[in-house]
Amino acid sequence: MKKLALVALLVLELAVSGCGTSGAPSTTTNTQAAGNWEAQLTGGTDQASLLNFVTTFTVTNNGPLDVTGFGFFNAGSCFATGTNAETVSGNASFTTSSTNTVTGTLTLTVTSATNGSVLTLGTPTAATLTGTSNGTTTTTGTLSNGVVVGQWSLSPGTGITGCNAASGNFIMCQATATCTPTTAAAIKKPE
């Protein structure tokens, strides 16, 4: 009987000690990218050279961008300007190192709601995203000094005068003072 009681207590102790544990503490630093981003595109001719824009989005670590604002700086035949003139979607995937350096990738697609033109940033491969974070393993940090560089392509809609298929390089900055078009990665030649 003593042996049975001892085994029952041992089983009970194992069951209770397993409650409330969630494994090892997280060693991942989460970072949220948010705010206004300004993009400068190089390459393209005619209307395809007027595609610089500003956008606002939020994403944490990876997944689809929650785009809350978008606007081209110039009106042109490739894309109309104004509310609901484009649909914008994208994805990001980035990690934060133990020294709070953020690295990863980003893609962005802008589709004209009026003529079907499509501008894709991060093609043929996803663009490179870098920056810094103030996060810790227990708090979600905020991305700062964010820079995205890569290649873009434009597929014009049908029947648009002056809007030609084009491609080139781009740089997109979280704040305009954080980068310049002469950043080495931004002047990388298309493959």
N, C-alpha and C. Protein backbone atom coordinates (compact mmCIF):
# COMPACT_ATOMS: atom_id res chain seq x y z
N MET A 1 0.81 -1.17 0.00
CA MET A 1 0.00 0.00 0.00
C MET A 1 0.87 1.26 0.00
N LYS A 2 1.99 1.22 0.77
CA LYS A 2 2.89 2.36 0.80
C LYS A 2 3.48 2.61 -0.58
N LYS A 3 3.81 1.53 -1.29
CA LYS A 3 4.41 1.67 -2.62
C LYS A 3 3.40 2.31 -3.57
N LEU A 4 2.12 1.91 -3.47
CA LEU A 4 1.09 2.47 -4.33
C LEU A 4 0.88 3.95 -4.02
N ALA A 5 0.91 4.33 -2.75
CA ALA A 5 0.75 5.73 -2.36
C ALA A 5 1.94 6.55 -2.83
N LEU A 6 3.14 5.99 -2.75
CA LEU A 6 4.34 6.69 -3.20
C LEU A 6 4.30 6.91 -4.71
N VAL A 7 3.86 5.91 -5.47
CA VAL A 7 3.75 6.04 -6.93
C VAL A 7 2.68 7.08 -7.26
N ALA A 8 1.55 7.08 -6.55
CA ALA A 8 0.48 8.05 -6.79
C ALA A 8 0.97 9.47 -6.53
N LEU A 9 1.75 9.68 -5.45
CA LEU A 9 2.29 11.00 -5.14
C LEU A 9 3.30 11.44 -6.21
N LEU A 10 4.09 10.52 -6.69
CA LEU A 10 5.07 10.83 -7.73
C LEU A 10 4.37 11.26 -9.02
N VAL A 11 3.32 10.54 -9.41
CA VAL A 11 2.55 10.89 -10.61
C VAL A 11 1.89 12.25 -10.43
N LEU A 12 1.32 12.50 -9.25
CA LEU A 12 0.69 13.78 -8.98
C LEU A 12 1.70 14.92 -9.04
N GLU A 13 2.89 14.72 -8.49
CA GLU A 13 3.93 15.74 -8.52
C GLU A 13 4.34 16.05 -9.96
N LEU A 14 4.50 15.04 -10.78
CA LEU A 14 4.86 15.26 -12.19
C LEU A 14 3.76 16.01 -12.93
N ALA A 15 2.52 15.68 -12.63
CA ALA A 15 1.40 16.35 -13.29
C ALA A 15 1.33 17.82 -12.89
N VAL A 16 1.50 18.12 -11.62
CA VAL A 16 1.42 19.50 -11.13
C VAL A 16 2.62 20.31 -11.61
N SER A 17 3.80 19.71 -11.62
CA SER A 17 4.98 20.46 -12.03
C SER A 17 4.94 20.81 -13.52
N GLY A 18 4.17 20.07 -14.29
CA GLY A 18 4.03 20.37 -15.72
C GLY A 18 3.07 21.50 -15.98
N CYS A 19 2.23 21.86 -15.04
CA CYS A 19 1.26 22.94 -15.24
C CYS A 19 1.95 24.29 -15.19
N GLY A 20 1.52 25.18 -16.04
CA GLY A 20 2.01 26.54 -16.00
C GLY A 20 3.35 26.76 -16.65
N THR A 21 3.96 25.75 -17.22
CA THR A 21 5.24 25.97 -17.89
C THR A 21 4.98 26.11 -19.38
N SER A 22 5.67 27.03 -19.97
CA SER A 22 5.49 27.25 -21.41
C SER A 22 6.78 27.00 -22.16
N GLY A 23 7.68 26.27 -21.60
CA GLY A 23 8.93 25.99 -22.27
C GLY A 23 9.95 27.08 -21.97
N ALA A 24 11.01 27.08 -22.77
CA ALA A 24 12.08 28.05 -22.59
C ALA A 24 11.61 29.45 -22.96
N PRO A 25 12.13 30.47 -22.30
CA PRO A 25 11.74 31.83 -22.65
C PRO A 25 12.20 32.17 -24.06
N SER A 26 11.45 33.07 -24.71
CA SER A 26 11.76 33.46 -26.08
C SER A 26 13.08 34.21 -26.14
N THR A 27 13.88 33.92 -27.15
CA THR A 27 15.11 34.64 -27.37
C THR A 27 15.03 35.45 -28.66
N THR A 28 13.81 35.63 -29.18
CA THR A 28 13.59 36.37 -30.41
C THR A 28 13.22 37.81 -30.09
N THR A 29 13.85 38.74 -30.79
CA THR A 29 13.47 40.14 -30.67
C THR A 29 12.50 40.45 -31.79
N ASN A 30 11.31 40.92 -31.46
CA ASN A 30 10.32 41.30 -32.45
C ASN A 30 10.47 42.78 -32.79
N THR A 31 10.28 43.10 -34.07
CA THR A 31 10.38 44.48 -34.52
C THR A 31 9.22 44.81 -35.43
N GLN A 32 8.66 46.01 -35.25
CA GLN A 32 7.58 46.48 -36.10
C GLN A 32 8.10 47.59 -37.01
N ALA A 33 7.84 47.45 -38.31
CA ALA A 33 8.14 48.50 -39.27
C ALA A 33 6.86 49.27 -39.53
N ALA A 34 6.93 50.58 -39.42
CA ALA A 34 5.72 51.40 -39.59
C ALA A 34 6.10 52.77 -40.12
N GLY A 35 5.08 53.56 -40.38
CA GLY A 35 5.30 54.94 -40.76
C GLY A 35 5.36 55.17 -42.26
N ASN A 36 5.80 56.38 -42.62
CA ASN A 36 5.91 56.77 -44.02
C ASN A 36 7.23 56.32 -44.62
N TRP A 37 7.15 55.83 -45.84
CA TRP A 37 8.33 55.40 -46.59
C TRP A 37 8.29 56.10 -47.95
N GLU A 38 9.41 56.69 -48.34
CA GLU A 38 9.50 57.37 -49.63
C GLU A 38 10.37 56.56 -50.57
N ALA A 39 9.86 56.31 -51.78
CA ALA A 39 10.59 55.51 -52.77
C ALA A 39 11.05 56.36 -53.93
N GLN A 40 12.30 56.16 -54.33
CA GLN A 40 12.85 56.81 -55.51
C GLN A 40 13.28 55.72 -56.47
N LEU A 41 12.72 55.76 -57.68
CA LEU A 41 13.02 54.76 -58.70
C LEU A 41 13.93 55.37 -59.75
N THR A 42 14.89 54.60 -60.22
CA THR A 42 15.75 55.02 -61.33
C THR A 42 15.50 54.08 -62.49
N GLY A 43 15.65 54.60 -63.70
CA GLY A 43 15.37 53.81 -64.90
C GLY A 43 14.00 54.15 -65.43
N GLY A 44 13.66 53.60 -66.54
CA GLY A 44 12.38 53.90 -67.17
C GLY A 44 12.47 55.17 -67.99
N THR A 45 11.61 55.28 -68.97
CA THR A 45 11.55 56.48 -69.81
C THR A 45 10.11 56.96 -69.89
N ASP A 46 9.94 58.17 -70.40
CA ASP A 46 8.62 58.77 -70.55
C ASP A 46 7.85 58.68 -69.24
N GLN A 47 6.62 58.22 -69.29
CA GLN A 47 5.78 58.15 -68.10
C GLN A 47 6.31 57.16 -67.07
N ALA A 48 7.07 56.17 -67.50
CA ALA A 48 7.63 55.19 -66.56
C ALA A 48 8.75 55.77 -65.72
N SER A 49 9.16 57.01 -65.98
CA SER A 49 10.18 57.65 -65.16
C SER A 49 9.55 58.53 -64.07
N LEU A 50 8.23 58.51 -63.96
CA LEU A 50 7.52 59.35 -63.00
C LEU A 50 6.90 58.56 -61.86
N LEU A 51 7.53 57.49 -61.44
CA LEU A 51 6.88 56.56 -60.51
C LEU A 51 7.31 56.70 -59.05
N ASN A 52 8.01 57.76 -58.66
CA ASN A 52 8.38 57.94 -57.26
C ASN A 52 7.12 58.12 -56.42
N PHE A 53 7.14 57.60 -55.19
CA PHE A 53 5.93 57.63 -54.38
C PHE A 53 6.25 57.64 -52.89
N VAL A 54 5.22 57.85 -52.09
CA VAL A 54 5.29 57.71 -50.64
C VAL A 54 4.19 56.75 -50.23
N THR A 55 4.49 55.89 -49.25
CA THR A 55 3.50 54.94 -48.76
C THR A 55 3.60 54.82 -47.25
N THR A 56 2.53 54.38 -46.64
CA THR A 56 2.49 54.15 -45.20
C THR A 56 2.01 52.72 -44.97
N PHE A 57 2.77 51.97 -44.18
CA PHE A 57 2.38 50.60 -43.87
C PHE A 57 2.90 50.19 -42.52
N THR A 58 2.38 49.07 -42.03
CA THR A 58 2.82 48.47 -40.77
C THR A 58 2.98 46.97 -40.97
N VAL A 59 4.03 46.40 -40.41
CA VAL A 59 4.23 44.95 -40.41
C VAL A 59 5.16 44.62 -39.24
N THR A 60 4.94 43.49 -38.60
CA THR A 60 5.81 43.03 -37.53
C THR A 60 6.45 41.71 -37.94
N ASN A 61 7.77 41.71 -38.06
CA ASN A 61 8.60 40.53 -38.38
C ASN A 61 8.36 39.95 -39.77
N ASN A 62 7.17 39.51 -40.07
CA ASN A 62 6.91 38.96 -41.40
C ASN A 62 5.42 38.91 -41.65
N GLY A 63 5.10 38.83 -42.93
CA GLY A 63 3.70 38.73 -43.31
C GLY A 63 3.31 39.86 -44.24
N PRO A 64 2.02 39.96 -44.50
CA PRO A 64 1.55 41.00 -45.42
C PRO A 64 1.67 42.39 -44.78
N LEU A 65 1.94 43.38 -45.63
CA LEU A 65 1.99 44.76 -45.17
C LEU A 65 0.55 45.26 -44.97
N ASP A 66 0.32 45.98 -43.89
CA ASP A 66 -0.96 46.65 -43.67
C ASP A 66 -0.79 48.07 -44.21
N VAL A 67 -1.12 48.25 -45.50
CA VAL A 67 -0.91 49.52 -46.19
C VAL A 67 -2.08 50.45 -45.88
N THR A 68 -1.78 51.62 -45.30
CA THR A 68 -2.83 52.57 -44.94
C THR A 68 -2.76 53.86 -45.75
N GLY A 69 -1.74 54.01 -46.58
CA GLY A 69 -1.64 55.21 -47.40
C GLY A 69 -0.70 54.99 -48.56
N PHE A 70 -0.98 55.67 -49.68
CA PHE A 70 -0.12 55.57 -50.86
C PHE A 70 -0.40 56.74 -51.78
N GLY A 71 0.65 57.29 -52.39
CA GLY A 71 0.45 58.34 -53.38
C GLY A 71 1.69 58.56 -54.21
N PHE A 72 1.51 58.66 -55.54
CA PHE A 72 2.61 59.02 -56.43
C PHE A 72 2.87 60.52 -56.30
N PHE A 73 4.11 60.93 -56.50
CA PHE A 73 4.45 62.35 -56.48
C PHE A 73 4.00 63.04 -57.77
N ASN A 74 3.97 62.30 -58.87
CA ASN A 74 3.65 62.88 -60.17
C ASN A 74 2.44 62.19 -60.78
N ALA A 75 1.58 62.99 -61.42
CA ALA A 75 0.48 62.40 -62.18
C ALA A 75 1.05 61.93 -63.51
N GLY A 76 0.55 60.83 -64.02
CA GLY A 76 1.03 60.32 -65.29
C GLY A 76 0.04 59.34 -65.88
N SER A 77 0.32 58.92 -67.11
CA SER A 77 -0.61 58.01 -67.78
C SER A 77 -0.51 56.58 -67.26
N CYS A 78 0.62 56.20 -66.65
CA CYS A 78 0.74 54.83 -66.13
C CYS A 78 -0.18 54.60 -64.94
N PHE A 79 -0.30 55.61 -64.09
CA PHE A 79 -1.14 55.51 -62.88
C PHE A 79 -1.86 56.82 -62.68
N ALA A 80 -3.11 56.73 -62.33
CA ALA A 80 -3.87 57.93 -61.97
C ALA A 80 -3.50 58.31 -60.55
N THR A 81 -3.81 59.52 -60.15
CA THR A 81 -3.59 59.93 -58.76
C THR A 81 -4.95 60.17 -58.12
N GLY A 82 -4.99 60.08 -56.82
CA GLY A 82 -6.23 60.32 -56.10
C GLY A 82 -6.61 59.15 -55.22
N THR A 83 -7.65 59.33 -54.45
CA THR A 83 -8.13 58.31 -53.53
C THR A 83 -8.60 57.08 -54.30
N ASN A 84 -8.19 55.92 -53.87
CA ASN A 84 -8.56 54.62 -54.44
C ASN A 84 -8.16 54.46 -55.90
N ALA A 85 -7.14 55.22 -56.37
CA ALA A 85 -6.67 55.09 -57.75
C ALA A 85 -5.82 53.84 -57.93
N GLU A 86 -5.27 53.29 -56.83
CA GLU A 86 -4.44 52.10 -56.88
C GLU A 86 -4.78 51.17 -55.72
N THR A 87 -4.48 49.91 -55.93
CA THR A 87 -4.48 48.97 -54.82
C THR A 87 -3.02 48.61 -54.56
N VAL A 88 -2.65 48.56 -53.31
CA VAL A 88 -1.26 48.34 -52.93
C VAL A 88 -1.20 47.17 -51.96
N SER A 89 -0.30 46.23 -52.24
CA SER A 89 -0.11 45.10 -51.34
C SER A 89 1.37 44.77 -51.29
N GLY A 90 1.76 44.03 -50.29
CA GLY A 90 3.16 43.66 -50.17
C GLY A 90 3.38 42.71 -49.02
N ASN A 91 4.61 42.24 -48.94
CA ASN A 91 5.02 41.32 -47.88
C ASN A 91 6.42 41.69 -47.40
N ALA A 92 6.68 41.40 -46.16
CA ALA A 92 8.01 41.60 -45.59
C ALA A 92 8.36 40.39 -44.74
N SER A 93 9.63 40.13 -44.65
CA SER A 93 10.13 39.08 -43.77
C SER A 93 11.50 39.52 -43.28
N PHE A 94 11.60 39.81 -41.98
CA PHE A 94 12.87 40.27 -41.45
C PHE A 94 13.08 39.75 -40.05
N THR A 95 14.34 39.74 -39.64
CA THR A 95 14.71 39.29 -38.31
C THR A 95 15.56 40.36 -37.64
N THR A 96 15.62 40.29 -36.33
CA THR A 96 16.40 41.24 -35.55
C THR A 96 17.49 40.47 -34.81
N SER A 97 18.74 40.88 -35.00
CA SER A 97 19.86 40.19 -34.36
C SER A 97 19.97 40.60 -32.90
N SER A 98 20.87 39.94 -32.20
CA SER A 98 21.09 40.26 -30.78
C SER A 98 21.70 41.65 -30.61
N THR A 99 22.23 42.23 -31.69
CA THR A 99 22.78 43.60 -31.63
C THR A 99 21.78 44.61 -32.19
N ASN A 100 20.52 44.17 -32.36
CA ASN A 100 19.41 45.01 -32.83
C ASN A 100 19.54 45.47 -34.28
N THR A 101 20.29 44.73 -35.08
CA THR A 101 20.36 44.98 -36.51
C THR A 101 19.23 44.21 -37.18
N VAL A 102 18.47 44.90 -38.02
CA VAL A 102 17.34 44.29 -38.71
C VAL A 102 17.74 44.02 -40.16
N THR A 103 17.50 42.78 -40.62
CA THR A 103 17.77 42.42 -42.01
C THR A 103 16.63 41.55 -42.51
N GLY A 104 16.34 41.68 -43.80
CA GLY A 104 15.28 40.86 -44.37
C GLY A 104 14.94 41.28 -45.78
N THR A 105 13.72 40.98 -46.18
CA THR A 105 13.27 41.26 -47.54
C THR A 105 11.90 41.92 -47.53
N LEU A 106 11.58 42.57 -48.66
CA LEU A 106 10.30 43.23 -48.81
C LEU A 106 9.91 43.23 -50.28
N THR A 107 8.63 43.05 -50.56
CA THR A 107 8.08 43.21 -51.90
C THR A 107 6.86 44.11 -51.81
N LEU A 108 6.57 44.83 -52.89
CA LEU A 108 5.43 45.74 -52.92
C LEU A 108 4.87 45.74 -54.33
N THR A 109 3.56 45.63 -54.46
CA THR A 109 2.90 45.65 -55.76
C THR A 109 1.83 46.73 -55.77
N VAL A 110 1.90 47.59 -56.79
CA VAL A 110 0.93 48.68 -56.96
C VAL A 110 0.17 48.41 -58.26
N THR A 111 -1.14 48.29 -58.18
CA THR A 111 -1.97 48.00 -59.35
C THR A 111 -2.95 49.14 -59.56
N SER A 112 -2.97 49.67 -60.80
CA SER A 112 -3.89 50.75 -61.12
C SER A 112 -5.32 50.24 -61.11
N ALA A 113 -6.20 50.97 -60.45
CA ALA A 113 -7.62 50.60 -60.43
C ALA A 113 -8.33 51.05 -61.70
N THR A 114 -7.66 51.90 -62.49
CA THR A 114 -8.32 52.44 -63.69
C THR A 114 -7.86 51.83 -64.99
N ASN A 115 -6.56 51.45 -65.09
CA ASN A 115 -6.07 50.95 -66.39
C ASN A 115 -5.31 49.63 -66.33
N GLY A 116 -5.11 49.08 -65.16
CA GLY A 116 -4.47 47.77 -65.05
C GLY A 116 -2.95 47.77 -65.03
N SER A 117 -2.30 48.93 -65.01
CA SER A 117 -0.83 48.97 -64.92
C SER A 117 -0.41 48.36 -63.58
N VAL A 118 0.75 47.66 -63.60
CA VAL A 118 1.25 47.02 -62.38
C VAL A 118 2.72 47.39 -62.18
N LEU A 119 3.02 48.00 -61.04
CA LEU A 119 4.38 48.32 -60.63
C LEU A 119 4.75 47.34 -59.52
N THR A 120 5.86 46.63 -59.70
CA THR A 120 6.29 45.65 -58.71
C THR A 120 7.68 46.02 -58.21
N LEU A 121 7.82 46.20 -56.91
CA LEU A 121 9.12 46.44 -56.28
C LEU A 121 9.55 45.14 -55.63
N GLY A 122 10.81 44.77 -55.89
CA GLY A 122 11.31 43.51 -55.37
C GLY A 122 11.12 42.41 -56.38
N THR A 123 11.55 42.65 -57.62
CA THR A 123 11.45 41.66 -58.67
C THR A 123 12.71 41.68 -59.50
N PRO A 124 13.31 40.63 -59.91
CA PRO A 124 12.82 39.25 -59.84
C PRO A 124 13.03 38.59 -58.47
N THR A 125 13.82 39.22 -57.60
CA THR A 125 13.96 38.69 -56.24
C THR A 125 13.53 39.77 -55.26
N ALA A 126 13.15 39.36 -54.08
CA ALA A 126 12.69 40.31 -53.07
C ALA A 126 13.78 41.33 -52.77
N ALA A 127 13.37 42.57 -52.51
CA ALA A 127 14.30 43.63 -52.19
C ALA A 127 14.86 43.44 -50.78
N THR A 128 16.02 44.01 -50.53
CA THR A 128 16.69 43.87 -49.24
C THR A 128 16.26 44.98 -48.29
N LEU A 129 15.85 44.62 -47.09
CA LEU A 129 15.45 45.56 -46.06
C LEU A 129 16.48 45.54 -44.94
N THR A 130 16.93 46.72 -44.50
CA THR A 130 17.86 46.82 -43.37
C THR A 130 17.41 47.96 -42.46
N GLY A 131 17.92 47.95 -41.24
CA GLY A 131 17.62 49.01 -40.28
C GLY A 131 18.07 48.59 -38.90
N THR A 132 17.58 49.30 -37.90
CA THR A 132 17.89 48.98 -36.51
C THR A 132 16.60 48.93 -35.70
N SER A 133 16.66 48.27 -34.56
CA SER A 133 15.49 48.10 -33.71
C SER A 133 15.84 48.48 -32.28
N ASN A 134 14.85 48.92 -31.53
CA ASN A 134 15.05 49.17 -30.10
C ASN A 134 14.35 48.11 -29.26
N GLY A 135 14.03 46.97 -29.88
CA GLY A 135 13.32 45.90 -29.18
C GLY A 135 14.23 45.06 -28.31
N THR A 136 13.59 44.29 -27.45
CA THR A 136 14.28 43.31 -26.62
C THR A 136 13.56 41.98 -26.80
N THR A 137 14.03 40.95 -26.12
CA THR A 137 13.37 39.65 -26.22
C THR A 137 12.02 39.65 -25.52
N THR A 138 11.72 40.70 -24.76
CA THR A 138 10.42 40.77 -24.08
C THR A 138 9.54 41.92 -24.57
N THR A 139 10.06 42.77 -25.46
CA THR A 139 9.26 43.88 -26.00
C THR A 139 9.40 43.92 -27.52
N THR A 140 8.36 44.42 -28.19
CA THR A 140 8.43 44.60 -29.64
C THR A 140 9.05 45.95 -29.92
N GLY A 141 10.13 45.93 -30.68
CA GLY A 141 10.84 47.17 -31.00
C GLY A 141 10.24 47.87 -32.21
N THR A 142 10.74 49.06 -32.46
CA THR A 142 10.34 49.85 -33.61
C THR A 142 11.51 49.96 -34.56
N LEU A 143 11.28 49.69 -35.83
CA LEU A 143 12.33 49.81 -36.83
C LEU A 143 12.67 51.28 -37.04
N SER A 144 13.95 51.59 -37.07
CA SER A 144 14.40 52.95 -37.40
C SER A 144 15.50 52.84 -38.44
N ASN A 145 15.74 53.93 -39.15
CA ASN A 145 16.74 53.97 -40.22
C ASN A 145 16.48 52.90 -41.26
N GLY A 146 15.21 52.60 -41.52
CA GLY A 146 14.85 51.56 -42.47
C GLY A 146 15.16 51.96 -43.90
N VAL A 147 15.78 51.04 -44.62
CA VAL A 147 16.13 51.25 -46.03
C VAL A 147 15.81 49.96 -46.78
N VAL A 148 15.14 50.09 -47.92
CA VAL A 148 14.86 48.95 -48.78
C VAL A 148 15.47 49.26 -50.15
N VAL A 149 16.26 48.34 -50.69
CA VAL A 149 16.85 48.52 -52.02
C VAL A 149 16.60 47.28 -52.86
N GLY A 150 16.42 47.48 -54.15
CA GLY A 150 16.20 46.34 -55.03
C GLY A 150 15.86 46.80 -56.43
N GLN A 151 15.19 45.93 -57.15
CA GLN A 151 14.82 46.19 -58.53
C GLN A 151 13.30 46.29 -58.65
N TRP A 152 12.85 47.05 -59.64
CA TRP A 152 11.42 47.23 -59.90
C TRP A 152 11.13 46.92 -61.35
N SER A 153 9.85 46.63 -61.62
CA SER A 153 9.41 46.45 -63.01
C SER A 153 8.01 47.02 -63.16
N LEU A 154 7.71 47.47 -64.38
CA LEU A 154 6.41 48.04 -64.69
C LEU A 154 5.82 47.29 -65.87
N SER A 155 4.59 46.81 -65.69
CA SER A 155 3.81 46.24 -66.78
C SER A 155 2.65 47.19 -67.03
N PRO A 156 2.67 47.93 -68.15
CA PRO A 156 1.61 48.91 -68.39
C PRO A 156 0.29 48.24 -68.72
N GLY A 157 -0.79 48.93 -68.40
CA GLY A 157 -2.11 48.46 -68.77
C GLY A 157 -2.28 48.56 -70.28
N THR A 158 -3.39 48.07 -70.77
CA THR A 158 -3.61 48.09 -72.21
C THR A 158 -4.10 49.44 -72.70
N GLY A 159 -3.61 49.82 -73.89
CA GLY A 159 -4.07 51.04 -74.54
C GLY A 159 -3.66 52.33 -73.88
N ILE A 160 -2.53 52.36 -73.18
CA ILE A 160 -2.09 53.57 -72.50
C ILE A 160 -0.98 54.22 -73.33
N THR A 161 -1.17 55.46 -73.71
CA THR A 161 -0.17 56.17 -74.49
C THR A 161 0.95 56.68 -73.59
N GLY A 162 2.19 56.43 -74.00
CA GLY A 162 3.35 56.93 -73.26
C GLY A 162 3.77 56.11 -72.08
N CYS A 163 3.09 55.05 -71.77
CA CYS A 163 3.45 54.19 -70.64
C CYS A 163 3.99 52.89 -71.19
N ASN A 164 5.29 52.70 -71.08
CA ASN A 164 5.96 51.54 -71.64
C ASN A 164 6.45 50.61 -70.54
N ALA A 165 6.59 49.34 -70.90
CA ALA A 165 7.18 48.39 -69.95
C ALA A 165 8.58 48.90 -69.60
N ALA A 166 8.93 48.81 -68.33
CA ALA A 166 10.22 49.33 -67.89
C ALA A 166 10.68 48.60 -66.64
N SER A 167 11.95 48.78 -66.31
CA SER A 167 12.50 48.23 -65.08
C SER A 167 13.70 49.07 -64.67
N GLY A 168 14.12 48.89 -63.45
CA GLY A 168 15.27 49.62 -62.95
C GLY A 168 15.52 49.28 -61.50
N ASN A 169 16.20 50.17 -60.81
CA ASN A 169 16.53 50.00 -59.41
C ASN A 169 15.74 51.00 -58.57
N PHE A 170 15.59 50.70 -57.30
CA PHE A 170 14.91 51.64 -56.41
C PHE A 170 15.54 51.63 -55.04
N ILE A 171 15.28 52.72 -54.33
CA ILE A 171 15.62 52.82 -52.92
C ILE A 171 14.40 53.39 -52.22
N MET A 172 14.02 52.79 -51.11
CA MET A 172 12.86 53.24 -50.35
C MET A 172 13.32 53.48 -48.91
N CYS A 173 13.09 54.68 -48.41
CA CYS A 173 13.60 55.07 -47.11
C CYS A 173 12.47 55.33 -46.13
N GLN A 174 12.68 54.90 -44.92
CA GLN A 174 11.70 55.12 -43.87
C GLN A 174 11.58 56.61 -43.55
N ALA A 175 12.64 57.32 -43.65
CA ALA A 175 12.65 58.77 -43.52
C ALA A 175 13.63 59.28 -44.56
N THR A 176 13.29 60.33 -45.27
CA THR A 176 14.11 60.75 -46.41
C THR A 176 15.55 61.06 -46.02
N ALA A 177 15.81 61.43 -44.79
CA ALA A 177 17.17 61.76 -44.39
C ALA A 177 18.03 60.53 -44.13
N THR A 178 17.45 59.34 -44.13
CA THR A 178 18.22 58.15 -43.75
C THR A 178 19.00 57.52 -44.89
N CYS A 179 18.74 57.91 -46.13
CA CYS A 179 19.49 57.29 -47.22
C CYS A 179 19.49 58.17 -48.45
N THR A 180 20.34 57.83 -49.38
CA THR A 180 20.45 58.56 -50.63
C THR A 180 20.51 57.56 -51.78
N PRO A 181 20.18 58.00 -53.00
CA PRO A 181 20.21 57.08 -54.14
C PRO A 181 21.60 56.54 -54.45
N THR A 182 22.65 57.10 -53.86
CA THR A 182 23.99 56.62 -54.15
C THR A 182 24.40 55.44 -53.27
N THR A 183 23.48 54.98 -52.41
CA THR A 183 23.77 53.79 -51.62
C THR A 183 24.19 52.67 -52.56
N ALA A 184 25.26 51.98 -52.28
CA ALA A 184 25.83 50.99 -53.20
C ALA A 184 24.80 49.99 -53.71
N ALA A 185 23.95 49.50 -52.82
CA ALA A 185 22.97 48.49 -53.24
C ALA A 185 21.93 49.09 -54.18
N ALA A 186 21.66 50.37 -54.06
CA ALA A 186 20.64 50.99 -54.88
C ALA A 186 21.09 51.18 -56.33
N ILE A 187 22.38 51.21 -56.55
CA ILE A 187 22.87 51.40 -57.91
C ILE A 187 23.32 50.11 -58.56
N LYS A 188 22.99 49.00 -57.92
CA LYS A 188 23.28 47.67 -58.45
C LYS A 188 22.56 47.51 -59.79
N LYS A 189 23.25 47.02 -60.79
CA LYS A 189 22.66 46.85 -62.13
C LYS A 189 21.73 45.65 -62.17
N PRO A 190 20.59 45.78 -62.91
CA PRO A 190 19.69 44.65 -63.06
C PRO A 190 20.40 43.48 -63.71
N GLU A 191 20.02 42.28 -63.34
CA GLU A 191 20.64 41.08 -63.91
C GLU A 191 19.97 40.68 -65.19
